[in-house]
Each structure stands twice: as structure tokens, then as C-alpha cells.
Amino acid sequence: MSGVMASVDQRTQLAGRNRLELLMFRLGSRQLYGINVFKVREVLQCPKLSSVPRSHPVVRGIANIRGKTITIIDISMAIGGPPIQDIENSFVIISEYNRNVQGFLVHEVDRIVNLNWKDIHAPPSGTAAGSSYLTAVTHVDDNMVSVIDVERILAEVMGAKEDLSQEMIDKVGKTGTDKNLILVSDDSIVARKQVCKTLQDDMFFETVTAKNGQEALDILTTWADDKSPELDRLAMVVSDIEMPEMDGYTFTTSVRADERLKDIYIILHTSMSGVFNQDIVDKVGADKFIPKFDPDVLAEAVLEVIKPQE
């Protein structure tokens, strides 16, 4: 297993180059699944689990790992499959999403592959709707690899804060500006809905959504080509970092390289943790980096640019 994780410490070198390392695993069949190594702390053989009364059905238990109590989620069950069998011989992927650490129970860990985000594609038509737990697919050695929407799993299992605090509601008021449009780019349908709910329902903005950086860039360049009034109304872009086709870093660099778009305010909004992210945000020219998902944090970041009407 140490060989599988040997490249984790080098993962920061890929950021900003439209590349990622994908940790591939199986859930009891030949089908390969993937998770970005950016999110992975370590992989280990499944430790002894303690049951948790009245926990979510896909939580197989908790484990004490390096002095920290960690919830272990059966990914197979979480996406609608059968429970992982033979737990003692299975593996746990310890990961950090949205500033929380959890373990994902998988049957078998395969290896890490280095890929270009251009080779990661949106799921086939018909599979990315409400019932799908995939954010992307790719091919490795002629095998299809499905990238799981972990944010959706965590929202369903752990819950997520969805509403602004009363203190933030009092701050928001109503925006007194003609720039009342925000472009939201994220490959997770759950993440897009969370962001749009805050911006639309609580902050009174209109939103346009994109599923990846390339789609967001196409929207902006089309508006620029057509001299569309939407570009004049655009207050900012709120973009995920990890996305198929084009990641948020490359998207930001591309926007800054276009004279017509270079002054657009860009917030990078991501479930990745680590101080290296802020360094790369500065390098590519984004205006702000905020972690997912806290509606108050998002609202505060927006209000730094768009002052509420008194």
C-alpha cells in the first residue's frame, strides 16, 4: 500500500497544470472507480470498526485512526450498491472534504494514475441527472473509470448547512447594483444547487451554471463575442477547482489571458483543503479562495464585492 500512496506527497506539483492524480479502486466487481488524490490522506487495511446506534445505514462504523475517531462510509452502499463484503480484508481511504475527515470503505485499491483533466469527461447523457452519483468518467488502459460525486454522498450521509445565519441575513439586505448575475461552475449537481440556493434565494442574484471550466469559459467568450448584456451584468464567477475538461485553475488563467474578460472577479470555491491552494490561487490570478460549503462564508465573500443596499 505504501507504493500506491507514494505519489500523494507530490500532488501539489500538479495543481495549476490542468492535471490530476486519480486513486482507483473497486467496490466488489471489475468496475473501477476514482477519487482525486488531492482529497486522500492515506489508505489502510480496514481497522476494527465499532458500530454506531441509529447512524445512517451506509455508515459501517467508526474507527480510531491515529488518535482520531473517524466515520467509515461504505461507498458501495452510498451509491445504491450492495454492502462491501469481507470487511477485514477490505480497505479504507481516509479523505478530507470540506474540512472534515472521513473514511471510505472499498473492496480493493488499484493504483494511482496521472491524468489530464481534458481526458476526464462529464458522464454520458442520461446518467448525470438526479439519480447519478457520478461527476465524471475517464478511460485508463481501455477500462472505464467512474469518478464518484463524493460531495453528494457526504451531503446525504452527514448533512450540510444550507441556510444563512440570521446575522448574515441581516447583512445581506438587497443588492443595489446592476451587476446582479453570477456564473457558477461546478461538476457536482449537489454543489451547484447549494451555491445557487444561497445566491438566488438568500441573496437575490440571478445565476447561470456550468458543469466544468471549459463550459464556463465558453459561456464567457460567447458573451464577449456577442457583446451580450449578460457580461455587463456579471458580478463575478464562483468556480470549483476540480472539474472535468478544464479545472478551475486553468479556467482562471484562461480568463485572465483574454483582454475582454481579464477583470472578471473570480472566487475559487473548493472542497480541497491545504495552504498550497491559496498559493496557487494567487499564482493563477484568482481574486479569492473559499472552502466548501458554508453559506455564510460564500455570502461574506460575495458581499466583499457587492455591497448590500442600505
C-alpha atoms as a PDB file:
ATOM      1  CA  MET A   1       0.000   0.000   0.000  1.00  0.00           C
ATOM      2  CA  SER A   2       2.924   2.341   0.589  1.00  0.00           C
ATOM      3  CA  GLY A   3       3.679   2.030  -3.117  1.00  0.00           C
ATOM      4  CA  VAL A   4       0.152   3.093  -4.017  1.00  0.00           C
ATOM      5  CA  MET A   5       0.418   6.192  -1.845  1.00  0.00           C
ATOM      6  CA  ALA A   6       3.993   7.111  -2.729  1.00  0.00           C
ATOM      7  CA  SER A   7       2.910   9.895  -5.063  1.00  0.00           C
ATOM      8  CA  VAL A   8       0.461  11.547  -2.669  1.00  0.00           C
ATOM      9  CA  ASP A   9       3.152  13.851  -1.288  1.00  0.00           C
ATOM     10  CA  GLN A  10       3.863  15.102  -4.817  1.00  0.00           C
ATOM     11  CA  ARG A  11       0.268  16.013  -5.575  1.00  0.00           C
ATOM     12  CA  THR A  12       0.679  19.761  -5.172  1.00  0.00           C
ATOM     13  CA  GLN A  13       3.002  19.814  -8.184  1.00  0.00           C
ATOM     14  CA  LEU A  14       0.043  19.012 -10.456  1.00  0.00           C
ATOM     15  CA  ALA A  15      -2.170  21.875  -9.379  1.00  0.00           C
ATOM     16  CA  GLY A  16      -2.450  24.654 -11.924  1.00  0.00           C
ATOM     17  CA  ARG A  17      -1.436  22.400 -14.819  1.00  0.00           C
ATOM     18  CA  ASN A  18      -4.903  21.022 -15.624  1.00  0.00           C
ATOM     19  CA  ARG A  19      -3.730  17.640 -14.346  1.00  0.00           C
ATOM     20  CA  LEU A  20      -4.737  15.363 -11.511  1.00  0.00           C
ATOM     21  CA  GLU A  21      -3.818  12.082  -9.922  1.00  0.00           C
ATOM     22  CA  LEU A  22      -6.705   9.657  -9.565  1.00  0.00           C
ATOM     23  CA  LEU A  23      -6.715   6.906  -6.943  1.00  0.00           C
ATOM     24  CA  MET A  24      -8.593   3.993  -8.497  1.00  0.00           C
ATOM     25  CA  PHE A  25     -10.480   1.368  -6.505  1.00  0.00           C
ATOM     26  CA  ARG A  26     -13.124  -1.350  -6.817  1.00  0.00           C
ATOM     27  CA  LEU A  27     -16.263  -1.982  -4.813  1.00  0.00           C
ATOM     28  CA  GLY A  28     -16.565  -5.739  -5.308  1.00  0.00           C
ATOM     29  CA  SER A  29     -16.795  -6.020  -9.084  1.00  0.00           C
ATOM     30  CA  ARG A  30     -14.460  -5.334 -12.001  1.00  0.00           C
ATOM     31  CA  GLN A  31     -15.785  -1.771 -12.360  1.00  0.00           C
ATOM     32  CA  LEU A  32     -13.162   0.843 -11.492  1.00  0.00           C
ATOM     33  CA  TYR A  33     -13.976   3.991  -9.547  1.00  0.00           C
ATOM     34  CA  GLY A  34     -11.807   7.004  -8.805  1.00  0.00           C
ATOM     35  CA  ILE A  35     -11.170   9.737  -6.276  1.00  0.00           C
ATOM     36  CA  ASN A  36      -8.782  12.665  -6.680  1.00  0.00           C
ATOM     37  CA  VAL A  37      -5.577  12.141  -4.695  1.00  0.00           C
ATOM     38  CA  PHE A  38      -5.841  15.772  -3.566  1.00  0.00           C
ATOM     39  CA  LYS A  39      -8.564  14.556  -1.198  1.00  0.00           C
ATOM     40  CA  VAL A  40      -6.707  11.482   0.110  1.00  0.00           C
ATOM     41  CA  ARG A  41      -4.719  11.437   3.342  1.00  0.00           C
ATOM     42  CA  GLU A  42      -3.863   7.734   3.408  1.00  0.00           C
ATOM     43  CA  VAL A  43      -5.067   4.254   2.518  1.00  0.00           C
ATOM     44  CA  LEU A  44      -5.030   1.419   5.024  1.00  0.00           C
ATOM     45  CA  GLN A  45      -6.461  -2.042   5.609  1.00  0.00           C
ATOM     46  CA  CYS A  46      -9.814  -1.689   7.294  1.00  0.00           C
ATOM     47  CA  PRO A  47      -9.291  -1.418  11.065  1.00  0.00           C
ATOM     48  CA  LYS A  48     -11.635  -2.792  13.699  1.00  0.00           C
ATOM     49  CA  LEU A  49     -14.950  -0.946  13.482  1.00  0.00           C
ATOM     50  CA  SER A  50     -17.306  -0.027  16.295  1.00  0.00           C
ATOM     51  CA  SER A  51     -20.988   0.226  15.490  1.00  0.00           C
ATOM     52  CA  VAL A  52     -22.877   3.491  15.949  1.00  0.00           C
ATOM     53  CA  PRO A  53     -26.515   3.141  17.018  1.00  0.00           C
ATOM     54  CA  ARG A  54     -29.051   4.994  14.867  1.00  0.00           C
ATOM     55  CA  SER A  55     -26.387   6.061  12.378  1.00  0.00           C
ATOM     56  CA  HIS A  56     -27.032   6.418   8.653  1.00  0.00           C
ATOM     57  CA  PRO A  57     -27.448   2.979   7.006  1.00  0.00           C
ATOM     58  CA  VAL A  58     -24.314   3.406   4.865  1.00  0.00           C
ATOM     59  CA  VAL A  59     -22.108   4.120   7.897  1.00  0.00           C
ATOM     60  CA  ARG A  60     -20.446   0.802   8.686  1.00  0.00           C
ATOM     61  CA  GLY A  61     -18.984   2.075  11.952  1.00  0.00           C
ATOM     62  CA  ILE A  62     -16.324   4.280  13.451  1.00  0.00           C
ATOM     63  CA  ALA A  63     -12.623   3.610  13.913  1.00  0.00           C
ATOM     64  CA  ASN A  64      -9.846   5.143  15.978  1.00  0.00           C
ATOM     65  CA  ILE A  65      -7.126   6.038  13.499  1.00  0.00           C
ATOM     66  CA  ARG A  66      -4.023   7.851  14.733  1.00  0.00           C
ATOM     67  CA  GLY A  67      -5.884   9.111  17.772  1.00  0.00           C
ATOM     68  CA  LYS A  68      -8.854  10.464  15.821  1.00  0.00           C
ATOM     69  CA  THR A  69     -12.342   8.956  15.690  1.00  0.00           C
ATOM     70  CA  ILE A  70     -13.327   8.642  12.032  1.00  0.00           C
ATOM     71  CA  THR A  71     -16.654   7.688  10.478  1.00  0.00           C
ATOM     72  CA  ILE A  72     -16.353   4.866   7.928  1.00  0.00           C
ATOM     73  CA  ILE A  73     -18.775   5.093   4.994  1.00  0.00           C
ATOM     74  CA  ASP A  74     -19.460   2.168   2.670  1.00  0.00           C
ATOM     75  CA  ILE A  75     -19.185   3.796  -0.767  1.00  0.00           C
ATOM     76  CA  SER A  76     -20.900   0.874  -2.494  1.00  0.00           C
ATOM     77  CA  MET A  77     -23.999   1.233  -0.322  1.00  0.00           C
ATOM     78  CA  ALA A  78     -23.879   5.027  -0.621  1.00  0.00           C
ATOM     79  CA  ILE A  79     -24.257   4.855  -4.407  1.00  0.00           C
ATOM     80  CA  GLY A  80     -27.012   2.245  -4.261  1.00  0.00           C
ATOM     81  CA  GLY A  81     -24.929  -0.954  -4.484  1.00  0.00           C
ATOM     82  CA  PRO A  82     -24.607  -3.925  -2.140  1.00  0.00           C
ATOM     83  CA  PRO A  83     -22.576  -3.696   1.094  1.00  0.00           C
ATOM     84  CA  ILE A  84     -18.842  -4.317   0.895  1.00  0.00           C
ATOM     85  CA  GLN A  85     -18.213  -7.922   1.941  1.00  0.00           C
ATOM     86  CA  ASP A  86     -15.268  -9.345   3.911  1.00  0.00           C
ATOM     87  CA  ILE A  87     -14.585  -6.088   5.715  1.00  0.00           C
ATOM     88  CA  GLU A  88     -11.445  -7.382   7.426  1.00  0.00           C
ATOM     89  CA  ASN A  89      -9.762  -7.808   4.027  1.00  0.00           C
ATOM     90  CA  SER A  90     -11.106  -4.577   2.578  1.00  0.00           C
ATOM     91  CA  PHE A  91      -9.530  -1.112   2.643  1.00  0.00           C
ATOM     92  CA  VAL A  92     -10.357   2.342   3.933  1.00  0.00           C
ATOM     93  CA  ILE A  93      -9.500   5.534   2.042  1.00  0.00           C
ATOM     94  CA  ILE A  94      -9.022   8.315   4.585  1.00  0.00           C
ATOM     95  CA  SER A  95     -10.013  11.560   2.894  1.00  0.00           C
ATOM     96  CA  GLU A  96     -10.630  15.195   3.697  1.00  0.00           C
ATOM     97  CA  TYR A  97     -13.569  17.009   2.141  1.00  0.00           C
ATOM     98  CA  ASN A  98     -14.972  20.352   3.176  1.00  0.00           C
ATOM     99  CA  ARG A  99     -12.642  20.497   6.187  1.00  0.00           C
ATOM    100  CA  ASN A 100     -13.958  17.162   7.507  1.00  0.00           C
ATOM    101  CA  VAL A 101     -12.086  13.855   7.643  1.00  0.00           C
ATOM    102  CA  GLN A 102     -13.875  10.585   6.918  1.00  0.00           C
ATOM    103  CA  GLY A 103     -13.070   7.087   5.729  1.00  0.00           C
ATOM    104  CA  PHE A 104     -14.487   5.387   2.643  1.00  0.00           C
ATOM    105  CA  LEU A 105     -14.723   1.605   2.763  1.00  0.00           C
ATOM    106  CA  VAL A 106     -13.766  -0.021  -0.560  1.00  0.00           C
ATOM    107  CA  HIS A 107     -13.165  -3.630  -1.552  1.00  0.00           C
ATOM    108  CA  GLU A 108      -9.824  -3.160  -3.291  1.00  0.00           C
ATOM    109  CA  VAL A 109      -7.438  -0.312  -4.102  1.00  0.00           C
ATOM    110  CA  ASP A 110      -5.905  -0.497  -7.574  1.00  0.00           C
ATOM    111  CA  ARG A 111      -3.318   2.257  -8.181  1.00  0.00           C
ATOM    112  CA  ILE A 112      -2.794   5.946  -8.810  1.00  0.00           C
ATOM    113  CA  VAL A 113      -2.769   7.305 -12.358  1.00  0.00           C
ATOM    114  CA  ASN A 114      -1.670  10.722 -13.586  1.00  0.00           C
ATOM    115  CA  LEU A 115      -4.210  12.225 -15.995  1.00  0.00           C
ATOM    116  CA  ASN A 116      -5.053  15.444 -17.788  1.00  0.00           C
ATOM    117  CA  TRP A 117      -8.398  16.995 -16.890  1.00  0.00           C
ATOM    118  CA  LYS A 118      -9.058  17.106 -20.647  1.00  0.00           C
ATOM    119  CA  ASP A 119      -9.272  13.316 -20.511  1.00  0.00           C
ATOM    120  CA  ILE A 120     -11.898  13.459 -17.755  1.00  0.00           C
ATOM    121  CA  HIS A 121     -15.376  13.861 -19.225  1.00  0.00           C
ATOM    122  CA  ALA A 122     -18.872  14.534 -17.968  1.00  0.00           C
ATOM    123  CA  PRO A 123     -20.945  11.361 -17.519  1.00  0.00           C
ATOM    124  CA  PRO A 124     -22.842  10.126 -20.571  1.00  0.00           C
ATOM    125  CA  SER A 125     -26.165  11.795 -21.264  1.00  0.00           C
ATOM    126  CA  GLY A 126     -28.878  10.376 -19.038  1.00  0.00           C
ATOM    127  CA  THR A 127     -26.600   9.443 -16.129  1.00  0.00           C
ATOM    128  CA  ALA A 128     -25.810  12.880 -14.704  1.00  0.00           C
ATOM    129  CA  ALA A 129     -29.315  13.698 -13.581  1.00  0.00           C
ATOM    130  CA  GLY A 130     -30.700  13.487 -10.059  1.00  0.00           C
ATOM    131  CA  SER A 131     -30.142   9.750  -9.575  1.00  0.00           C
ATOM    132  CA  SER A 132     -26.478   9.686 -10.590  1.00  0.00           C
ATOM    133  CA  TYR A 133     -23.568   9.602  -8.158  1.00  0.00           C
ATOM    134  CA  LEU A 134     -21.004  10.297 -10.881  1.00  0.00           C
ATOM    135  CA  THR A 135     -19.365  13.604 -11.659  1.00  0.00           C
ATOM    136  CA  ALA A 136     -17.132  12.329 -14.458  1.00  0.00           C
ATOM    137  CA  VAL A 137     -15.800   9.336 -16.365  1.00  0.00           C
ATOM    138  CA  THR A 138     -12.470   8.553 -17.975  1.00  0.00           C
ATOM    139  CA  HIS A 139     -10.648   5.602 -19.516  1.00  0.00           C
ATOM    140  CA  VAL A 140      -7.445   4.018 -18.245  1.00  0.00           C
ATOM    141  CA  ASP A 141      -5.920   1.085 -20.182  1.00  0.00           C
ATOM    142  CA  ASP A 142      -9.225   0.636 -22.040  1.00  0.00           C
ATOM    143  CA  ASN A 143     -11.130   0.403 -18.755  1.00  0.00           C
ATOM    144  CA  MET A 144     -13.808   2.937 -17.879  1.00  0.00           C
ATOM    145  CA  VAL A 145     -13.256   4.676 -14.551  1.00  0.00           C
ATOM    146  CA  SER A 146     -16.202   6.383 -12.844  1.00  0.00           C
ATOM    147  CA  VAL A 147     -15.427   9.407 -10.676  1.00  0.00           C
ATOM    148  CA  ILE A 148     -17.863   9.499  -7.785  1.00  0.00           C
ATOM    149  CA  ASP A 149     -19.682  12.619  -6.603  1.00  0.00           C
ATOM    150  CA  VAL A 150     -18.378  12.402  -3.046  1.00  0.00           C
ATOM    151  CA  GLU A 151     -19.918  15.749  -2.156  1.00  0.00           C
ATOM    152  CA  ARG A 152     -23.356  14.321  -2.856  1.00  0.00           C
ATOM    153  CA  ILE A 153     -22.630  11.278  -0.690  1.00  0.00           C
ATOM    154  CA  LEU A 154     -21.443  13.429   2.206  1.00  0.00           C
ATOM    155  CA  ALA A 155     -24.420  15.773   1.911  1.00  0.00           C
ATOM    156  CA  GLU A 156     -26.767  12.798   2.131  1.00  0.00           C
ATOM    157  CA  VAL A 157     -24.923  10.996   4.914  1.00  0.00           C
ATOM    158  CA  MET A 158     -23.569  13.824   7.057  1.00  0.00           C
ATOM    159  CA  GLY A 159     -25.976  16.578   6.112  1.00  0.00           C
ATOM    160  CA  ALA A 160     -24.967  20.077   5.080  1.00  0.00           C
ATOM    161  CA  LYS A 161     -25.688  23.558   6.320  1.00  0.00           C
ATOM    162  CA  GLU A 162     -27.992  25.116   3.743  1.00  0.00           C
ATOM    163  CA  ASP A 163     -29.366  28.309   5.249  1.00  0.00           C
ATOM    164  CA  LEU A 164     -27.749  31.615   6.068  1.00  0.00           C
ATOM    165  CA  SER A 165     -27.473  32.550   9.708  1.00  0.00           C
ATOM    166  CA  GLN A 166     -29.753  35.319  10.915  1.00  0.00           C
ATOM    167  CA  GLU A 167     -26.704  37.543  11.350  1.00  0.00           C
ATOM    168  CA  MET A 168     -25.789  37.093   7.693  1.00  0.00           C
ATOM    169  CA  ILE A 169     -29.390  37.551   6.555  1.00  0.00           C
ATOM    170  CA  ASP A 170     -29.367  40.894   8.329  1.00  0.00           C
ATOM    171  CA  LYS A 171     -26.179  41.857   6.461  1.00  0.00           C
ATOM    172  CA  VAL A 172     -27.448  40.870   3.042  1.00  0.00           C
ATOM    173  CA  GLY A 173     -30.473  43.100   2.602  1.00  0.00           C
ATOM    174  CA  LYS A 174     -30.952  43.539  -1.129  1.00  0.00           C
ATOM    175  CA  THR A 175     -28.162  44.342  -3.518  1.00  0.00           C
ATOM    176  CA  GLY A 176     -28.398  47.790  -5.042  1.00  0.00           C
ATOM    177  CA  THR A 177     -26.422  47.155  -8.230  1.00  0.00           C
ATOM    178  CA  ASP A 178     -26.949  46.439 -11.908  1.00  0.00           C
ATOM    179  CA  LYS A 179     -24.387  43.636 -11.611  1.00  0.00           C
ATOM    180  CA  ASN A 180     -26.892  41.060 -10.433  1.00  0.00           C
ATOM    181  CA  LEU A 181     -25.724  37.971 -12.333  1.00  0.00           C
ATOM    182  CA  ILE A 182     -23.265  35.312 -11.094  1.00  0.00           C
ATOM    183  CA  LEU A 183     -21.816  32.442 -13.114  1.00  0.00           C
ATOM    184  CA  VAL A 184     -21.495  29.246 -11.056  1.00  0.00           C
ATOM    185  CA  SER A 185     -19.227  26.479 -12.329  1.00  0.00           C
ATOM    186  CA  ASP A 186     -19.111  23.079 -10.596  1.00  0.00           C
ATOM    187  CA  ASP A 187     -19.236  19.463 -11.764  1.00  0.00           C
ATOM    188  CA  SER A 188     -21.273  18.330  -8.739  1.00  0.00           C
ATOM    189  CA  ILE A 189     -25.013  18.801  -9.137  1.00  0.00           C
ATOM    190  CA  VAL A 190     -25.316  18.989  -5.345  1.00  0.00           C
ATOM    191  CA  ALA A 191     -22.664  21.702  -5.100  1.00  0.00           C
ATOM    192  CA  ARG A 192     -24.314  23.735  -7.876  1.00  0.00           C
ATOM    193  CA  LYS A 193     -27.671  23.540  -6.105  1.00  0.00           C
ATOM    194  CA  GLN A 194     -26.146  24.554  -2.769  1.00  0.00           C
ATOM    195  CA  VAL A 195     -24.391  27.588  -4.239  1.00  0.00           C
ATOM    196  CA  CYS A 196     -27.354  28.668  -6.348  1.00  0.00           C
ATOM    197  CA  LYS A 197     -29.739  28.386  -3.398  1.00  0.00           C
ATOM    198  CA  THR A 198     -27.621  30.811  -1.384  1.00  0.00           C
ATOM    199  CA  LEU A 199     -27.103  33.225  -4.272  1.00  0.00           C
ATOM    200  CA  GLN A 200     -30.666  33.143  -5.628  1.00  0.00           C
ATOM    201  CA  ASP A 201     -32.949  32.528  -2.669  1.00  0.00           C
ATOM    202  CA  ASP A 202     -30.993  34.330   0.032  1.00  0.00           C
ATOM    203  CA  MET A 203     -29.025  36.996  -1.843  1.00  0.00           C
ATOM    204  CA  PHE A 204     -31.371  37.806  -4.741  1.00  0.00           C
ATOM    205  CA  PHE A 205     -28.896  37.194  -7.580  1.00  0.00           C
ATOM    206  CA  GLU A 206     -29.613  35.553 -10.887  1.00  0.00           C
ATOM    207  CA  THR A 207     -27.331  32.622 -11.700  1.00  0.00           C
ATOM    208  CA  VAL A 208     -26.059  30.866 -14.801  1.00  0.00           C
ATOM    209  CA  THR A 209     -24.472  27.451 -14.285  1.00  0.00           C
ATOM    210  CA  ALA A 210     -21.744  25.450 -15.989  1.00  0.00           C
ATOM    211  CA  LYS A 211     -20.624  21.865 -15.328  1.00  0.00           C
ATOM    212  CA  ASN A 212     -16.904  22.490 -15.855  1.00  0.00           C
ATOM    213  CA  GLY A 213     -14.315  25.147 -16.575  1.00  0.00           C
ATOM    214  CA  GLN A 214     -14.463  24.727 -20.327  1.00  0.00           C
ATOM    215  CA  GLU A 215     -18.217  25.222 -20.375  1.00  0.00           C
ATOM    216  CA  ALA A 216     -17.871  28.300 -18.155  1.00  0.00           C
ATOM    217  CA  LEU A 217     -15.155  29.728 -20.407  1.00  0.00           C
ATOM    218  CA  ASP A 218     -17.307  29.086 -23.486  1.00  0.00           C
ATOM    219  CA  ILE A 219     -20.188  30.988 -21.880  1.00  0.00           C
ATOM    220  CA  LEU A 220     -17.978  33.983 -21.125  1.00  0.00           C
ATOM    221  CA  THR A 221     -16.302  34.084 -24.533  1.00  0.00           C
ATOM    222  CA  THR A 222     -19.679  33.782 -26.285  1.00  0.00           C
ATOM    223  CA  TRP A 223     -20.982  36.715 -24.261  1.00  0.00           C
ATOM    224  CA  ALA A 224     -17.860  38.692 -25.184  1.00  0.00           C
ATOM    225  CA  ASP A 225     -18.117  37.759 -28.879  1.00  0.00           C
ATOM    226  CA  ASP A 226     -21.789  38.739 -28.976  1.00  0.00           C
ATOM    227  CA  LYS A 227     -21.292  41.835 -26.827  1.00  0.00           C
ATOM    228  CA  SER A 228     -24.047  40.383 -24.676  1.00  0.00           C
ATOM    229  CA  PRO A 229     -25.595  42.477 -21.883  1.00  0.00           C
ATOM    230  CA  GLU A 230     -25.075  39.475 -19.593  1.00  0.00           C
ATOM    231  CA  LEU A 231     -21.365  40.292 -19.497  1.00  0.00           C
ATOM    232  CA  ASP A 232     -22.150  43.805 -18.276  1.00  0.00           C
ATOM    233  CA  ARG A 233     -24.459  42.375 -15.605  1.00  0.00           C
ATOM    234  CA  LEU A 234     -21.926  39.781 -14.460  1.00  0.00           C
ATOM    235  CA  ALA A 235     -20.863  40.411 -10.869  1.00  0.00           C
ATOM    236  CA  MET A 236     -18.420  37.501 -10.584  1.00  0.00           C
ATOM    237  CA  VAL A 237     -17.723  33.840 -11.222  1.00  0.00           C
ATOM    238  CA  VAL A 238     -17.866  31.259  -8.427  1.00  0.00           C
ATOM    239  CA  SER A 239     -15.926  28.236  -9.663  1.00  0.00           C
ATOM    240  CA  ASP A 240     -14.987  24.846  -8.327  1.00  0.00           C
ATOM    241  CA  ILE A 241     -11.370  23.773  -8.848  1.00  0.00           C
ATOM    242  CA  GLU A 242     -11.738  20.068  -9.631  1.00  0.00           C
ATOM    243  CA  MET A 243     -13.758  19.725 -12.834  1.00  0.00           C
ATOM    244  CA  PRO A 244     -13.608  17.566 -15.967  1.00  0.00           C
ATOM    245  CA  GLU A 245     -12.411  19.015 -19.270  1.00  0.00           C
ATOM    246  CA  MET A 246     -10.854  22.086 -17.611  1.00  0.00           C
ATOM    247  CA  ASP A 247     -10.118  22.673 -13.928  1.00  0.00           C
ATOM    248  CA  GLY A 248     -10.703  25.914 -12.063  1.00  0.00           C
ATOM    249  CA  TYR A 249      -7.046  26.914 -12.111  1.00  0.00           C
ATOM    250  CA  THR A 250      -6.800  26.623 -15.894  1.00  0.00           C
ATOM    251  CA  PHE A 251     -10.166  28.353 -16.281  1.00  0.00           C
ATOM    252  CA  THR A 252      -8.889  31.298 -14.233  1.00  0.00           C
ATOM    253  CA  THR A 253      -5.656  31.519 -16.213  1.00  0.00           C
ATOM    254  CA  SER A 254      -7.637  31.471 -19.480  1.00  0.00           C
ATOM    255  CA  VAL A 255      -9.962  34.251 -18.319  1.00  0.00           C
ATOM    256  CA  ARG A 256      -7.031  36.424 -17.267  1.00  0.00           C
ATOM    257  CA  ALA A 257      -5.422  35.903 -20.677  1.00  0.00           C
ATOM    258  CA  ASP A 258      -8.464  37.320 -22.528  1.00  0.00           C
ATOM    259  CA  GLU A 259      -8.411  41.118 -22.640  1.00  0.00           C
ATOM    260  CA  ARG A 260     -12.216  41.219 -22.718  1.00  0.00           C
ATOM    261  CA  LEU A 261     -12.580  39.059 -19.605  1.00  0.00           C
ATOM    262  CA  LYS A 262      -9.450  39.669 -17.567  1.00  0.00           C
ATOM    263  CA  ASP A 263     -11.101  41.939 -14.981  1.00  0.00           C
ATOM    264  CA  ILE A 264     -13.864  39.487 -14.011  1.00  0.00           C
ATOM    265  CA  TYR A 265     -13.865  38.777 -10.291  1.00  0.00           C
ATOM    266  CA  ILE A 266     -13.255  35.052  -9.684  1.00  0.00           C
ATOM    267  CA  ILE A 267     -13.876  33.149  -6.462  1.00  0.00           C
ATOM    268  CA  LEU A 268     -12.478  29.618  -6.394  1.00  0.00           C
ATOM    269  CA  HIS A 269     -14.743  27.501  -4.209  1.00  0.00           C
ATOM    270  CA  THR A 270     -13.494  24.036  -3.403  1.00  0.00           C
ATOM    271  CA  SER A 271     -13.704  21.088  -1.021  1.00  0.00           C
ATOM    272  CA  MET A 272      -9.923  20.664  -1.231  1.00  0.00           C
ATOM    273  CA  SER A 273      -8.010  21.642   1.888  1.00  0.00           C
ATOM    274  CA  GLY A 274      -4.448  22.801   2.389  1.00  0.00           C
ATOM    275  CA  VAL A 275      -2.478  26.022   2.357  1.00  0.00           C
ATOM    276  CA  PHE A 276      -0.999  25.205  -1.046  1.00  0.00           C
ATOM    277  CA  ASN A 277      -4.352  26.084  -2.602  1.00  0.00           C
ATOM    278  CA  GLN A 278      -4.039  29.740  -1.602  1.00  0.00           C
ATOM    279  CA  ASP A 279      -0.548  29.880  -3.106  1.00  0.00           C
ATOM    280  CA  ILE A 280      -1.817  28.555  -6.420  1.00  0.00           C
ATOM    281  CA  VAL A 281      -4.901  30.794  -6.335  1.00  0.00           C
ATOM    282  CA  ASP A 282      -2.535  33.754  -6.142  1.00  0.00           C
ATOM    283  CA  LYS A 283      -0.374  32.308  -8.908  1.00  0.00           C
ATOM    284  CA  VAL A 284      -3.199  31.867 -11.424  1.00  0.00           C
ATOM    285  CA  GLY A 285      -4.753  35.218 -10.579  1.00  0.00           C
ATOM    286  CA  ALA A 286      -7.988  34.341  -8.825  1.00  0.00           C
ATOM    287  CA  ASP A 287      -9.380  37.003  -6.504  1.00  0.00           C
ATOM    288  CA  LYS A 288     -10.368  34.778  -3.595  1.00  0.00           C
ATOM    289  CA  PHE A 289     -10.325  31.184  -2.400  1.00  0.00           C
ATOM    290  CA  ILE A 290     -13.034  29.855  -0.067  1.00  0.00           C
ATOM    291  CA  PRO A 291     -13.668  26.317   1.189  1.00  0.00           C
ATOM    292  CA  LYS A 292     -16.933  24.437   0.649  1.00  0.00           C
ATOM    293  CA  PHE A 293     -19.638  24.547   1.779  1.00  0.00           C
ATOM    294  CA  ASP A 294     -20.739  27.139   4.260  1.00  0.00           C
ATOM    295  CA  PRO A 295     -23.436  29.532   3.022  1.00  0.00           C
ATOM    296  CA  ASP A 296     -22.269  32.255   5.408  1.00  0.00           C
ATOM    297  CA  VAL A 297     -18.687  32.046   4.087  1.00  0.00           C
ATOM    298  CA  LEU A 298     -19.946  32.233   0.494  1.00  0.00           C
ATOM    299  CA  ALA A 299     -22.244  35.149   1.272  1.00  0.00           C
ATOM    300  CA  GLU A 300     -19.471  37.030   3.070  1.00  0.00           C
ATOM    301  CA  ALA A 301     -17.161  36.586   0.073  1.00  0.00           C
ATOM    302  CA  VAL A 302     -19.836  37.911  -2.284  1.00  0.00           C
ATOM    303  CA  LEU A 303     -20.607  40.876  -0.030  1.00  0.00           C
ATOM    304  CA  GLU A 304     -16.946  41.901  -0.117  1.00  0.00           C
ATOM    305  CA  VAL A 305     -17.540  42.724  -3.794  1.00  0.00           C
ATOM    306  CA  ILE A 306     -21.233  43.575  -3.962  1.00  0.00           C
ATOM    307  CA  LYS A 307     -22.269  45.811  -1.122  1.00  0.00           C
ATOM    308  CA  PRO A 308     -25.852  45.341   0.066  1.00  0.00           C
ATOM    309  CA  GLN A 309     -28.333  48.150  -0.325  1.00  0.00           C
ATOM    310  CA  GLU A 310     -28.812  50.106   2.887  1.00  0.00           C
END
